[in-house]
Amino acid sequence: MGNRKVYAGFWDYAGALRFLKINVNELLSGERIMAEFYNKQLEDNLLAMKREVEERDRRALKLEYWLGFSAVLSGSVLILLASFLVMPFWLRMVLSAFALMMIFTGKLYRSWH
């Protein structure tokens, strides 16, 4: 059933494109493309989409870096607090375990993505 929905959406677009007498490239660019400029416009649209994907990937990588870095930094601060503040032993162990979990999760997240 899930596949039917995907194909139904595709066929809806295909029918609309035939009705409007345009192609997918014209739909994406938002303008009519003359036959002699079709290949140039297609190439421009593909390059623009590629740039958008690269920019999105660059932003995602930067976000992953800062999330991993902040997790490691926060975990390190918690380890220092657990080491130097006066507190019950069980609380020190819970705080240390939580800090180590943050550090390893941050490192794993950075290395996994």
PDB file of N, CA and C in Angstrom:
ATOM      1  N   MET A   1       0.808  -1.195   0.000  1.00  0.00           N
ATOM      2  CA  MET A   1       0.000   0.000   0.000  1.00  0.00           C
ATOM      3  C   MET A   1       0.853   1.262   0.000  1.00  0.00           C
ATOM      4  N   GLY A   2       1.978   1.234   0.738  1.00  0.00           N
ATOM      5  CA  GLY A   2       2.844   2.403   0.793  1.00  0.00           C
ATOM      6  C   GLY A   2       3.370   2.780  -0.576  1.00  0.00           C
ATOM      7  N   ASN A   3       3.687   1.771  -1.408  1.00  0.00           N
ATOM      8  CA  ASN A   3       4.203   2.054  -2.747  1.00  0.00           C
ATOM      9  C   ASN A   3       3.144   2.681  -3.633  1.00  0.00           C
ATOM     10  N   ARG A   4       1.888   2.282  -3.456  1.00  0.00           N
ATOM     11  CA  ARG A   4       0.829   2.859  -4.280  1.00  0.00           C
ATOM     12  C   ARG A   4       0.722   4.361  -4.052  1.00  0.00           C
ATOM     13  N   LYS A   5       0.886   4.778  -2.808  1.00  0.00           N
ATOM     14  CA  LYS A   5       0.802   6.203  -2.518  1.00  0.00           C
ATOM     15  C   LYS A   5       1.919   6.962  -3.223  1.00  0.00           C
ATOM     16  N   VAL A   6       3.123   6.410  -3.218  1.00  0.00           N
ATOM     17  CA  VAL A   6       4.251   7.066  -3.878  1.00  0.00           C
ATOM     18  C   VAL A   6       4.003   7.149  -5.375  1.00  0.00           C
ATOM     19  N   TYR A   7       3.594   6.040  -5.968  1.00  0.00           N
ATOM     20  CA  TYR A   7       3.356   6.051  -7.406  1.00  0.00           C
ATOM     21  C   TYR A   7       2.165   6.921  -7.762  1.00  0.00           C
ATOM     22  N   ALA A   8       1.140   6.934  -6.910  1.00  0.00           N
ATOM     23  CA  ALA A   8      -0.016   7.780  -7.184  1.00  0.00           C
ATOM     24  C   ALA A   8       0.419   9.242  -7.218  1.00  0.00           C
ATOM     25  N   GLY A   9       1.282   9.657  -6.295  1.00  0.00           N
ATOM     26  CA  GLY A   9       1.786  11.024  -6.289  1.00  0.00           C
ATOM     27  C   GLY A   9       2.558  11.327  -7.559  1.00  0.00           C
ATOM     28  N   PHE A  10       3.368  10.380  -7.994  1.00  0.00           N
ATOM     29  CA  PHE A  10       4.131  10.578  -9.228  1.00  0.00           C
ATOM     30  C   PHE A  10       3.193  10.737 -10.412  1.00  0.00           C
ATOM     31  N   TRP A  11       2.191   9.862 -10.494  1.00  0.00           N
ATOM     32  CA  TRP A  11       1.289   9.926 -11.638  1.00  0.00           C
ATOM     33  C   TRP A  11       0.441  11.187 -11.590  1.00  0.00           C
ATOM     34  N   ASP A  12       0.134  11.675 -10.394  1.00  0.00           N
ATOM     35  CA  ASP A  12      -0.585  12.948 -10.302  1.00  0.00           C
ATOM     36  C   ASP A  12       0.254  14.066 -10.903  1.00  0.00           C
ATOM     37  N   TYR A  13       1.546  14.088 -10.568  1.00  0.00           N
ATOM     38  CA  TYR A  13       2.431  15.104 -11.143  1.00  0.00           C
ATOM     39  C   TYR A  13       2.579  14.922 -12.645  1.00  0.00           C
ATOM     40  N   ALA A  14       2.712  13.670 -13.084  1.00  0.00           N
ATOM     41  CA  ALA A  14       2.871  13.417 -14.509  1.00  0.00           C
ATOM     42  C   ALA A  14       1.637  13.890 -15.272  1.00  0.00           C
ATOM     43  N   GLY A  15       0.469  13.631 -14.718  1.00  0.00           N
ATOM     44  CA  GLY A  15      -0.765  14.087 -15.362  1.00  0.00           C
ATOM     45  C   GLY A  15      -0.853  15.602 -15.396  1.00  0.00           C
ATOM     46  N   ALA A  16      -0.475  16.242 -14.303  1.00  0.00           N
ATOM     47  CA  ALA A  16      -0.504  17.702 -14.244  1.00  0.00           C
ATOM     48  C   ALA A  16       0.485  18.302 -15.241  1.00  0.00           C
ATOM     49  N   LEU A  17       1.661  17.675 -15.365  1.00  0.00           N
ATOM     50  CA  LEU A  17       2.658  18.179 -16.318  1.00  0.00           C
ATOM     51  C   LEU A  17       2.152  18.055 -17.743  1.00  0.00           C
ATOM     52  N   ARG A  18       1.501  16.922 -18.062  1.00  0.00           N
ATOM     53  CA  ARG A  18       0.940  16.766 -19.411  1.00  0.00           C
ATOM     54  C   ARG A  18      -0.167  17.784 -19.656  1.00  0.00           C
ATOM     55  N   PHE A  19      -1.018  17.991 -18.649  1.00  0.00           N
ATOM     56  CA  PHE A  19      -2.119  18.951 -18.783  1.00  0.00           C
ATOM     57  C   PHE A  19      -1.585  20.359 -19.024  1.00  0.00           C
ATOM     58  N   LEU A  20      -0.527  20.739 -18.300  1.00  0.00           N
ATOM     59  CA  LEU A  20       0.051  22.071 -18.439  1.00  0.00           C
ATOM     60  C   LEU A  20       1.001  22.192 -19.631  1.00  0.00           C
ATOM     61  N   LYS A  21       1.307  21.045 -20.237  1.00  0.00           N
ATOM     62  CA  LYS A  21       2.232  20.987 -21.373  1.00  0.00           C
ATOM     63  C   LYS A  21       3.598  21.562 -21.014  1.00  0.00           C
ATOM     64  N   ILE A  22       4.098  21.133 -19.855  1.00  0.00           N
ATOM     65  CA  ILE A  22       5.440  21.507 -19.418  1.00  0.00           C
ATOM     66  C   ILE A  22       6.169  20.241 -19.001  1.00  0.00           C
ATOM     67  N   ASN A  23       7.477  20.343 -18.806  1.00  0.00           N
ATOM     68  CA  ASN A  23       8.241  19.195 -18.319  1.00  0.00           C
ATOM     69  C   ASN A  23       8.703  19.462 -16.889  1.00  0.00           C
ATOM     70  N   VAL A  24       9.341  18.477 -16.311  1.00  0.00           N
ATOM     71  CA  VAL A  24       9.760  18.578 -14.914  1.00  0.00           C
ATOM     72  C   VAL A  24      10.745  19.731 -14.725  1.00  0.00           C
ATOM     73  N   ASN A  25      11.652  19.904 -15.664  1.00  0.00           N
ATOM     74  CA  ASN A  25      12.637  20.975 -15.553  1.00  0.00           C
ATOM     75  C   ASN A  25      11.964  22.349 -15.531  1.00  0.00           C
ATOM     76  N   GLU A  26      10.943  22.533 -16.343  1.00  0.00           N
ATOM     77  CA  GLU A  26      10.213  23.797 -16.341  1.00  0.00           C
ATOM     78  C   GLU A  26       9.460  23.989 -15.031  1.00  0.00           C
ATOM     79  N   LEU A  27       8.937  22.906 -14.488  1.00  0.00           N
ATOM     80  CA  LEU A  27       8.247  22.988 -13.199  1.00  0.00           C
ATOM     81  C   LEU A  27       9.207  23.414 -12.099  1.00  0.00           C
ATOM     82  N   LEU A  28      10.407  22.829 -12.082  1.00  0.00           N
ATOM     83  CA  LEU A  28      11.390  23.149 -11.047  1.00  0.00           C
ATOM     84  C   LEU A  28      11.944  24.561 -11.197  1.00  0.00           C
ATOM     85  N   SER A  29      12.130  25.001 -12.433  1.00  0.00           N
ATOM     86  CA  SER A  29      12.697  26.335 -12.635  1.00  0.00           C
ATOM     87  C   SER A  29      11.638  27.425 -12.526  1.00  0.00           C
ATOM     88  N   GLY A  30      10.375  27.075 -12.726  1.00  0.00           N
ATOM     89  CA  GLY A  30       9.313  28.055 -12.615  1.00  0.00           C
ATOM     90  C   GLY A  30       9.158  28.934 -13.836  1.00  0.00           C
ATOM     91  N   GLU A  31       9.717  28.503 -14.954  1.00  0.00           N
ATOM     92  CA  GLU A  31       9.597  29.311 -16.171  1.00  0.00           C
ATOM     93  C   GLU A  31       9.624  28.404 -17.394  1.00  0.00           C
ATOM     94  N   ARG A  32       9.086  28.909 -18.484  1.00  0.00           N
ATOM     95  CA  ARG A  32       9.105  28.183 -19.753  1.00  0.00           C
ATOM     96  C   ARG A  32      10.532  28.180 -20.295  1.00  0.00           C
ATOM     97  N   ILE A  33      10.919  27.058 -20.866  1.00  0.00           N
ATOM     98  CA  ILE A  33      12.271  26.937 -21.413  1.00  0.00           C
ATOM     99  C   ILE A  33      12.155  26.670 -22.905  1.00  0.00           C
ATOM    100  N   MET A  34      12.806  27.506 -23.666  1.00  0.00           N
ATOM    101  CA  MET A  34      12.807  27.329 -25.111  1.00  0.00           C
ATOM    102  C   MET A  34      13.654  26.100 -25.453  1.00  0.00           C
ATOM    103  N   ALA A  35      13.323  25.439 -26.539  1.00  0.00           N
ATOM    104  CA  ALA A  35      13.986  24.189 -26.910  1.00  0.00           C
ATOM    105  C   ALA A  35      15.491  24.366 -27.065  1.00  0.00           C
ATOM    106  N   GLU A  36      15.932  25.480 -27.646  1.00  0.00           N
ATOM    107  CA  GLU A  36      17.371  25.665 -27.868  1.00  0.00           C
ATOM    108  C   GLU A  36      18.127  25.919 -26.567  1.00  0.00           C
ATOM    109  N   PHE A  37      17.428  26.371 -25.530  1.00  0.00           N
ATOM    110  CA  PHE A  37      18.080  26.637 -24.250  1.00  0.00           C
ATOM    111  C   PHE A  37      17.838  25.525 -23.228  1.00  0.00           C
ATOM    112  N   TYR A  38      17.166  24.453 -23.646  1.00  0.00           N
ATOM    113  CA  TYR A  38      16.761  23.404 -22.709  1.00  0.00           C
ATOM    114  C   TYR A  38      17.960  22.774 -22.000  1.00  0.00           C
ATOM    115  N   ASN A  39      18.978  22.358 -22.749  1.00  0.00           N
ATOM    116  CA  ASN A  39      20.138  21.702 -22.137  1.00  0.00           C
ATOM    117  C   ASN A  39      20.885  22.638 -21.189  1.00  0.00           C
ATOM    118  N   LYS A  40      21.032  23.893 -21.587  1.00  0.00           N
ATOM    119  CA  LYS A  40      21.701  24.874 -20.733  1.00  0.00           C
ATOM    120  C   LYS A  40      20.918  25.084 -19.441  1.00  0.00           C
ATOM    121  N   GLN A  41      19.597  25.228 -19.564  1.00  0.00           N
ATOM    122  CA  GLN A  41      18.753  25.434 -18.384  1.00  0.00           C
ATOM    123  C   GLN A  41      18.762  24.192 -17.487  1.00  0.00           C
ATOM    124  N   LEU A  42      18.742  23.016 -18.103  1.00  0.00           N
ATOM    125  CA  LEU A  42      18.795  21.768 -17.336  1.00  0.00           C
ATOM    126  C   LEU A  42      20.098  21.691 -16.553  1.00  0.00           C
ATOM    127  N   GLU A  43      21.197  22.017 -17.199  1.00  0.00           N
ATOM    128  CA  GLU A  43      22.492  22.004 -16.528  1.00  0.00           C
ATOM    129  C   GLU A  43      22.539  23.026 -15.395  1.00  0.00           C
ATOM    130  N   ASP A  44      22.020  24.218 -15.633  1.00  0.00           N
ATOM    131  CA  ASP A  44      21.989  25.248 -14.584  1.00  0.00           C
ATOM    132  C   ASP A  44      21.157  24.805 -13.390  1.00  0.00           C
ATOM    133  N   ASN A  45      20.007  24.203 -13.653  1.00  0.00           N
ATOM    134  CA  ASN A  45      19.149  23.728 -12.559  1.00  0.00           C
ATOM    135  C   ASN A  45      19.827  22.611 -11.764  1.00  0.00           C
ATOM    136  N   LEU A  46      20.481  21.698 -12.462  1.00  0.00           N
ATOM    137  CA  LEU A  46      21.174  20.607 -11.763  1.00  0.00           C
ATOM    138  C   LEU A  46      22.326  21.135 -10.918  1.00  0.00           C
ATOM    139  N   LEU A  47      23.067  22.100 -11.449  1.00  0.00           N
ATOM    140  CA  LEU A  47      24.160  22.693 -10.676  1.00  0.00           C
ATOM    141  C   LEU A  47      23.639  23.451  -9.456  1.00  0.00           C
ATOM    142  N   ALA A  48      22.528  24.141  -9.613  1.00  0.00           N
ATOM    143  CA  ALA A  48      21.941  24.861  -8.474  1.00  0.00           C
ATOM    144  C   ALA A  48      21.480  23.882  -7.399  1.00  0.00           C
ATOM    145  N   MET A  49      20.860  22.789  -7.820  1.00  0.00           N
ATOM    146  CA  MET A  49      20.427  21.777  -6.848  1.00  0.00           C
ATOM    147  C   MET A  49      21.625  21.140  -6.166  1.00  0.00           C
ATOM    148  N   LYS A  50      22.704  20.910  -6.905  1.00  0.00           N
ATOM    149  CA  LYS A  50      23.913  20.334  -6.323  1.00  0.00           C
ATOM    150  C   LYS A  50      24.508  21.289  -5.285  1.00  0.00           C
ATOM    151  N   ARG A  51      24.544  22.579  -5.608  1.00  0.00           N
ATOM    152  CA  ARG A  51      25.049  23.570  -4.647  1.00  0.00           C
ATOM    153  C   ARG A  51      24.201  23.609  -3.380  1.00  0.00           C
ATOM    154  N   GLU A  52      22.885  23.518  -3.541  1.00  0.00           N
ATOM    155  CA  GLU A  52      22.002  23.503  -2.373  1.00  0.00           C
ATOM    156  C   GLU A  52      22.271  22.294  -1.488  1.00  0.00           C
ATOM    157  N   VAL A  53      22.457  21.130  -2.098  1.00  0.00           N
ATOM    158  CA  VAL A  53      22.733  19.913  -1.337  1.00  0.00           C
ATOM    159  C   VAL A  53      24.078  20.030  -0.628  1.00  0.00           C
ATOM    160  N   GLU A  54      25.090  20.539  -1.323  1.00  0.00           N
ATOM    161  CA  GLU A  54      26.406  20.705  -0.701  1.00  0.00           C
ATOM    162  C   GLU A  54      26.354  21.681   0.468  1.00  0.00           C
ATOM    163  N   GLU A  55      25.609  22.768   0.309  1.00  0.00           N
ATOM    164  CA  GLU A  55      25.488  23.749   1.395  1.00  0.00           C
ATOM    165  C   GLU A  55      24.756  23.142   2.593  1.00  0.00           C
ATOM    166  N   ARG A  56      23.714  22.391   2.334  1.00  0.00           N
ATOM    167  CA  ARG A  56      22.978  21.729   3.415  1.00  0.00           C
ATOM    168  C   ARG A  56      23.862  20.713   4.129  1.00  0.00           C
ATOM    169  N   ASP A  57      24.653  19.956   3.368  1.00  0.00           N
ATOM    170  CA  ASP A  57      25.574  18.996   3.975  1.00  0.00           C
ATOM    171  C   ASP A  57      26.643  19.698   4.804  1.00  0.00           C
ATOM    172  N   ARG A  58      27.124  20.838   4.310  1.00  0.00           N
ATOM    173  CA  ARG A  58      28.138  21.600   5.031  1.00  0.00           C
ATOM    174  C   ARG A  58      27.575  22.114   6.364  1.00  0.00           C
ATOM    175  N   ARG A  59      26.343  22.606   6.332  1.00  0.00           N
ATOM    176  CA  ARG A  59      25.705  23.085   7.569  1.00  0.00           C
ATOM    177  C   ARG A  59      25.453  21.936   8.538  1.00  0.00           C
ATOM    178  N   ALA A  60      25.044  20.776   8.012  1.00  0.00           N
ATOM    179  CA  ALA A  60      24.798  19.614   8.871  1.00  0.00           C
ATOM    180  C   ALA A  60      26.096  19.136   9.510  1.00  0.00           C
ATOM    181  N   LEU A  61      27.186  19.141   8.754  1.00  0.00           N
ATOM    182  CA  LEU A  61      28.468  18.723   9.296  1.00  0.00           C
ATOM    183  C   LEU A  61      28.934  19.672  10.388  1.00  0.00           C
ATOM    184  N   LYS A  62      28.742  20.972  10.167  1.00  0.00           N
ATOM    185  CA  LYS A  62      29.116  21.957  11.178  1.00  0.00           C
ATOM    186  C   LYS A  62      28.289  21.762  12.447  1.00  0.00           C
ATOM    187  N   LEU A  63      27.002  21.495  12.284  1.00  0.00           N
ATOM    188  CA  LEU A  63      26.133  21.259  13.439  1.00  0.00           C
ATOM    189  C   LEU A  63      26.553  19.996  14.191  1.00  0.00           C
ATOM    190  N   GLU A  64      26.868  18.934  13.464  1.00  0.00           N
ATOM    191  CA  GLU A  64      27.326  17.698  14.100  1.00  0.00           C
ATOM    192  C   GLU A  64      28.620  17.935  14.871  1.00  0.00           C
ATOM    193  N   TYR A  65      29.520  18.712  14.297  1.00  0.00           N
ATOM    194  CA  TYR A  65      30.778  19.013  14.972  1.00  0.00           C
ATOM    195  C   TYR A  65      30.524  19.732  16.288  1.00  0.00           C
ATOM    196  N   TRP A  66      29.683  20.768  16.251  1.00  0.00           N
ATOM    197  CA  TRP A  66      29.441  21.545  17.468  1.00  0.00           C
ATOM    198  C   TRP A  66      28.654  20.750  18.503  1.00  0.00           C
ATOM    199  N   LEU A  67      27.746  19.888  18.065  1.00  0.00           N
ATOM    200  CA  LEU A  67      27.030  19.041  19.027  1.00  0.00           C
ATOM    201  C   LEU A  67      27.983  18.068  19.708  1.00  0.00           C
ATOM    202  N   GLY A  68      28.847  17.455  18.935  1.00  0.00           N
ATOM    203  CA  GLY A  68      29.826  16.537  19.513  1.00  0.00           C
ATOM    204  C   GLY A  68      30.796  17.252  20.438  1.00  0.00           C
ATOM    205  N   PHE A  69      31.278  18.411  20.000  1.00  0.00           N
ATOM    206  CA  PHE A  69      32.208  19.185  20.811  1.00  0.00           C
ATOM    207  C   PHE A  69      31.567  19.623  22.125  1.00  0.00           C
ATOM    208  N   SER A  70      30.322  20.103  22.063  1.00  0.00           N
ATOM    209  CA  SER A  70      29.656  20.557  23.290  1.00  0.00           C
ATOM    210  C   SER A  70      29.374  19.394  24.234  1.00  0.00           C
ATOM    211  N   ALA A  71      29.079  18.210  23.693  1.00  0.00           N
ATOM    212  CA  ALA A  71      28.861  17.050  24.554  1.00  0.00           C
ATOM    213  C   ALA A  71      30.147  16.660  25.279  1.00  0.00           C
ATOM    214  N   VAL A  72      31.258  16.670  24.564  1.00  0.00           N
ATOM    215  CA  VAL A  72      32.546  16.329  25.182  1.00  0.00           C
ATOM    216  C   VAL A  72      32.938  17.388  26.211  1.00  0.00           C
ATOM    217  N   LEU A  73      32.748  18.644  25.881  1.00  0.00           N
ATOM    218  CA  LEU A  73      33.087  19.722  26.809  1.00  0.00           C
ATOM    219  C   LEU A  73      32.213  19.665  28.067  1.00  0.00           C
ATOM    220  N   SER A  74      30.922  19.482  27.897  1.00  0.00           N
ATOM    221  CA  SER A  74      30.022  19.401  29.049  1.00  0.00           C
ATOM    222  C   SER A  74      30.353  18.200  29.926  1.00  0.00           C
ATOM    223  N   GLY A  75      30.623  17.075  29.298  1.00  0.00           N
ATOM    224  CA  GLY A  75      31.001  15.886  30.063  1.00  0.00           C
ATOM    225  C   GLY A  75      32.288  16.096  30.831  1.00  0.00           C
ATOM    226  N   SER A  76      33.240  16.776  30.226  1.00  0.00           N
ATOM    227  CA  SER A  76      34.514  17.051  30.899  1.00  0.00           C
ATOM    228  C   SER A  76      34.314  17.965  32.106  1.00  0.00           C
ATOM    229  N   VAL A  77      33.455  18.956  31.953  1.00  0.00           N
ATOM    230  CA  VAL A  77      33.166  19.850  33.078  1.00  0.00           C
ATOM    231  C   VAL A  77      32.500  19.072  34.210  1.00  0.00           C
ATOM    232  N   LEU A  78      31.581  18.182  33.862  1.00  0.00           N
ATOM    233  CA  LEU A  78      30.932  17.372  34.896  1.00  0.00           C
ATOM    234  C   LEU A  78      31.924  16.463  35.611  1.00  0.00           C
ATOM    235  N   ILE A  79      32.876  15.913  34.883  1.00  0.00           N
ATOM    236  CA  ILE A  79      33.917  15.082  35.505  1.00  0.00           C
ATOM    237  C   ILE A  79      34.734  15.919  36.488  1.00  0.00           C
ATOM    238  N   LEU A  80      35.106  17.112  36.082  1.00  0.00           N
ATOM    239  CA  LEU A  80      35.861  17.993  36.978  1.00  0.00           C
ATOM    240  C   LEU A  80      35.050  18.354  38.224  1.00  0.00           C
ATOM    241  N   LEU A  81      33.771  18.656  38.039  1.00  0.00           N
ATOM    242  CA  LEU A  81      32.922  18.965  39.190  1.00  0.00           C
ATOM    243  C   LEU A  81      32.805  17.769  40.132  1.00  0.00           C
ATOM    244  N   ALA A  82      32.622  16.589  39.548  1.00  0.00           N
ATOM    245  CA  ALA A  82      32.511  15.386  40.381  1.00  0.00           C
ATOM    246  C   ALA A  82      33.816  15.099  41.103  1.00  0.00           C
ATOM    247  N   SER A  83      34.928  15.502  40.529  1.00  0.00           N
ATOM    248  CA  SER A  83      36.230  15.228  41.150  1.00  0.00           C
ATOM    249  C   SER A  83      36.555  16.188  42.286  1.00  0.00           C
ATOM    250  N   PHE A  84      36.174  17.454  42.155  1.00  0.00           N
ATOM    251  CA  PHE A  84      36.666  18.449  43.099  1.00  0.00           C
ATOM    252  C   PHE A  84      35.628  18.967  44.102  1.00  0.00           C
ATOM    253  N   LEU A  85      34.350  18.751  43.844  1.00  0.00           N
ATOM    254  CA  LEU A  85      33.349  19.203  44.804  1.00  0.00           C
ATOM    255  C   LEU A  85      33.107  18.149  45.877  1.00  0.00           C
ATOM    256  N   VAL A  86      32.764  18.612  47.064  1.00  0.00           N
ATOM    257  CA  VAL A  86      32.453  17.692  48.159  1.00  0.00           C
ATOM    258  C   VAL A  86      31.007  17.243  47.982  1.00  0.00           C
ATOM    259  N   MET A  87      30.812  15.924  47.867  1.00  0.00           N
ATOM    260  CA  MET A  87      29.474  15.347  47.687  1.00  0.00           C
ATOM    261  C   MET A  87      29.510  13.885  48.090  1.00  0.00           C
ATOM    262  N   PRO A  88      28.357  13.286  48.335  1.00  0.00           N
ATOM    263  CA  PRO A  88      28.323  11.859  48.679  1.00  0.00           C
ATOM    264  C   PRO A  88      28.901  11.013  47.539  1.00  0.00           C
ATOM    265  N   PHE A  89      29.432   9.859  47.916  1.00  0.00           N
ATOM    266  CA  PHE A  89      30.090   8.985  46.949  1.00  0.00           C
ATOM    267  C   PHE A  89      29.126   8.554  45.833  1.00  0.00           C
ATOM    268  N   TRP A  90      27.896   8.189  46.207  1.00  0.00           N
ATOM    269  CA  TRP A  90      26.945   7.707  45.188  1.00  0.00           C
ATOM    270  C   TRP A  90      26.624   8.811  44.164  1.00  0.00           C
ATOM    271  N   LEU A  91      26.531  10.046  44.635  1.00  0.00           N
ATOM    272  CA  LEU A  91      26.262  11.158  43.728  1.00  0.00           C
ATOM    273  C   LEU A  91      27.453  11.411  42.799  1.00  0.00           C
ATOM    274  N   ARG A  92      28.665  11.253  43.345  1.00  0.00           N
ATOM    275  CA  ARG A  92      29.873  11.403  42.534  1.00  0.00           C
ATOM    276  C   ARG A  92      29.898  10.353  41.419  1.00  0.00           C
ATOM    277  N   MET A  93      29.502   9.113  41.768  1.00  0.00           N
ATOM    278  CA  MET A  93      29.494   8.032  40.770  1.00  0.00           C
ATOM    279  C   MET A  93      28.418   8.271  39.706  1.00  0.00           C
ATOM    280  N   VAL A  94      27.243   8.704  40.119  1.00  0.00           N
ATOM    281  CA  VAL A  94      26.164   8.981  39.160  1.00  0.00           C
ATOM    282  C   VAL A  94      26.573  10.114  38.228  1.00  0.00           C
ATOM    283  N   LEU A  95      27.132  11.167  38.781  1.00  0.00           N
ATOM    284  CA  LEU A  95      27.572  12.309  37.980  1.00  0.00           C
ATOM    285  C   LEU A  95      28.685  11.902  37.019  1.00  0.00           C
ATOM    286  N   SER A  96      29.620  11.092  37.493  1.00  0.00           N
ATOM    287  CA  SER A  96      30.718  10.631  36.630  1.00  0.00           C
ATOM    288  C   SER A  96      30.192   9.729  35.521  1.00  0.00           C
ATOM    289  N   ALA A  97      29.265   8.831  35.861  1.00  0.00           N
ATOM    290  CA  ALA A  97      28.700   7.937  34.842  1.00  0.00           C
ATOM    291  C   ALA A  97      27.949   8.740  33.775  1.00  0.00           C
ATOM    292  N   PHE A  98      27.177   9.716  34.226  1.00  0.00           N
ATOM    293  CA  PHE A  98      26.449  10.565  33.283  1.00  0.00           C
ATOM    294  C   PHE A  98      27.415  11.350  32.394  1.00  0.00           C
ATOM    295  N   ALA A  99      28.480  11.864  32.986  1.00  0.00           N
ATOM    296  CA  ALA A  99      29.472  12.625  32.220  1.00  0.00           C
ATOM    297  C   ALA A  99      30.165  11.735  31.193  1.00  0.00           C
ATOM    298  N   LEU A 100      30.551  10.532  31.599  1.00  0.00           N
ATOM    299  CA  LEU A 100      31.196   9.618  30.650  1.00  0.00           C
ATOM    300  C   LEU A 100      30.245   9.229  29.527  1.00  0.00           C
ATOM    301  N   MET A 101      28.976   9.046  29.866  1.00  0.00           N
ATOM    302  CA  MET A 101      27.991   8.724  28.845  1.00  0.00           C
ATOM    303  C   MET A 101      27.881   9.879  27.843  1.00  0.00           C
ATOM    304  N   MET A 102      27.889  11.115  28.341  1.00  0.00           N
ATOM    305  CA  MET A 102      27.834  12.276  27.443  1.00  0.00           C
ATOM    306  C   MET A 102      29.063  12.338  26.541  1.00  0.00           C
ATOM    307  N   ILE A 103      30.226  12.104  27.120  1.00  0.00           N
ATOM    308  CA  ILE A 103      31.465  12.178  26.345  1.00  0.00           C
ATOM    309  C   ILE A 103      31.485  11.116  25.254  1.00  0.00           C
ATOM    310  N   PHE A 104      31.186   9.870  25.623  1.00  0.00           N
ATOM    311  CA  PHE A 104      31.240   8.792  24.631  1.00  0.00           C
ATOM    312  C   PHE A 104      30.145   8.932  23.589  1.00  0.00           C
ATOM    313  N   THR A 105      28.978   9.403  23.999  1.00  0.00           N
ATOM    314  CA  THR A 105      27.910   9.624  23.028  1.00  0.00           C
ATOM    315  C   THR A 105      28.308  10.723  22.051  1.00  0.00           C
ATOM    316  N   GLY A 106      28.902  11.793  22.555  1.00  0.00           N
ATOM    317  CA  GLY A 106      29.349  12.870  21.675  1.00  0.00           C
ATOM    318  C   GLY A 106      30.426  12.425  20.718  1.00  0.00           C
ATOM    319  N   LYS A 107      31.379  11.636  21.209  1.00  0.00           N
ATOM    320  CA  LYS A 107      32.455  11.149  20.329  1.00  0.00           C
ATOM    321  C   LYS A 107      31.909  10.159  19.305  1.00  0.00           C
ATOM    322  N   LEU A 108      31.022   9.255  19.753  1.00  0.00           N
ATOM    323  CA  LEU A 108      30.447   8.290  18.828  1.00  0.00           C
ATOM    324  C   LEU A 108      29.599   8.990  17.772  1.00  0.00           C
ATOM    325  N   TYR A 109      28.845   9.994  18.193  1.00  0.00           N
ATOM    326  CA  TYR A 109      28.004  10.722  17.244  1.00  0.00           C
ATOM    327  C   TYR A 109      28.858  11.417  16.197  1.00  0.00           C
ATOM    328  N   ARG A 110      29.941  12.036  16.637  1.00  0.00           N
ATOM    329  CA  ARG A 110      30.822  12.720  15.672  1.00  0.00           C
ATOM    330  C   ARG A 110      31.487  11.751  14.731  1.00  0.00           C
ATOM    331  N   SER A 111      31.945  10.608  15.252  1.00  0.00           N
ATOM    332  CA  SER A 111      32.646   9.660  14.383  1.00  0.00           C
ATOM    333  C   SER A 111      31.676   8.859  13.525  1.00  0.00           C
ATOM    334  N   TRP A 112      30.430   8.694  13.972  1.00  0.00           N
ATOM    335  CA  TRP A 112      29.473   7.890  13.233  1.00  0.00           C
ATOM    336  C   TRP A 112      28.924   8.666  12.042  1.00  0.00           C
ATOM    337  N   HIS A 113      28.717   9.950  12.198  1.00  0.00           N
ATOM    338  CA  HIS A 113      28.151  10.755  11.108  1.00  0.00           C
ATOM    339  C   HIS A 113      29.248  11.360  10.355  1.00  0.00           C
TER     340      HIS A 113
END
